[in-house]
Amino acid sequence: MNTVPLRATANQTVQAVLGGQNCSLRVYTRQSEASSMVGVNGAALFVDLAVNEVAVVSGIIAREGTLLLRYPRLGFVGDLLFVDMQGAADPQWTGLGDRWRLVWLSADEAQAYEEGTL
């Protein structure tokens, strides 16, 4: 398990090596009218992931405690997960890197998390 370094900024791109993979993660906010997706000022947080400059996923909504990828994706090993260090709320950009942390899980760790053993 590795923590991806994020800042409390509404939109950012982070380069990180996760499980030996050269990753580019774009974490950004979008306005949303759907009540289940609303965060700060009606905005929800989303993630794009590329490995070696090849897009793996785009526009994945960030939910606390929910694996972002959930299924094996071409060109990416493992999974990503937002963790609320103070409760169980969905991440908001104002607390990124502090209250909400983005972690990378190996494939084995992701499976154990889904099984409730991690």
Foldseek 3Di string as FASTA:
>chain_A
DFWFADALDQWDWGFDQDPNWTKIKIKHWDADPPPVQQDPPRIFIFIWMDTPNHTFDGGFTFAALDWRPPDDTPPDFFTKHKHAQPDGGTDDSNQENHRIIIDTGGNVRVVCSVVVND
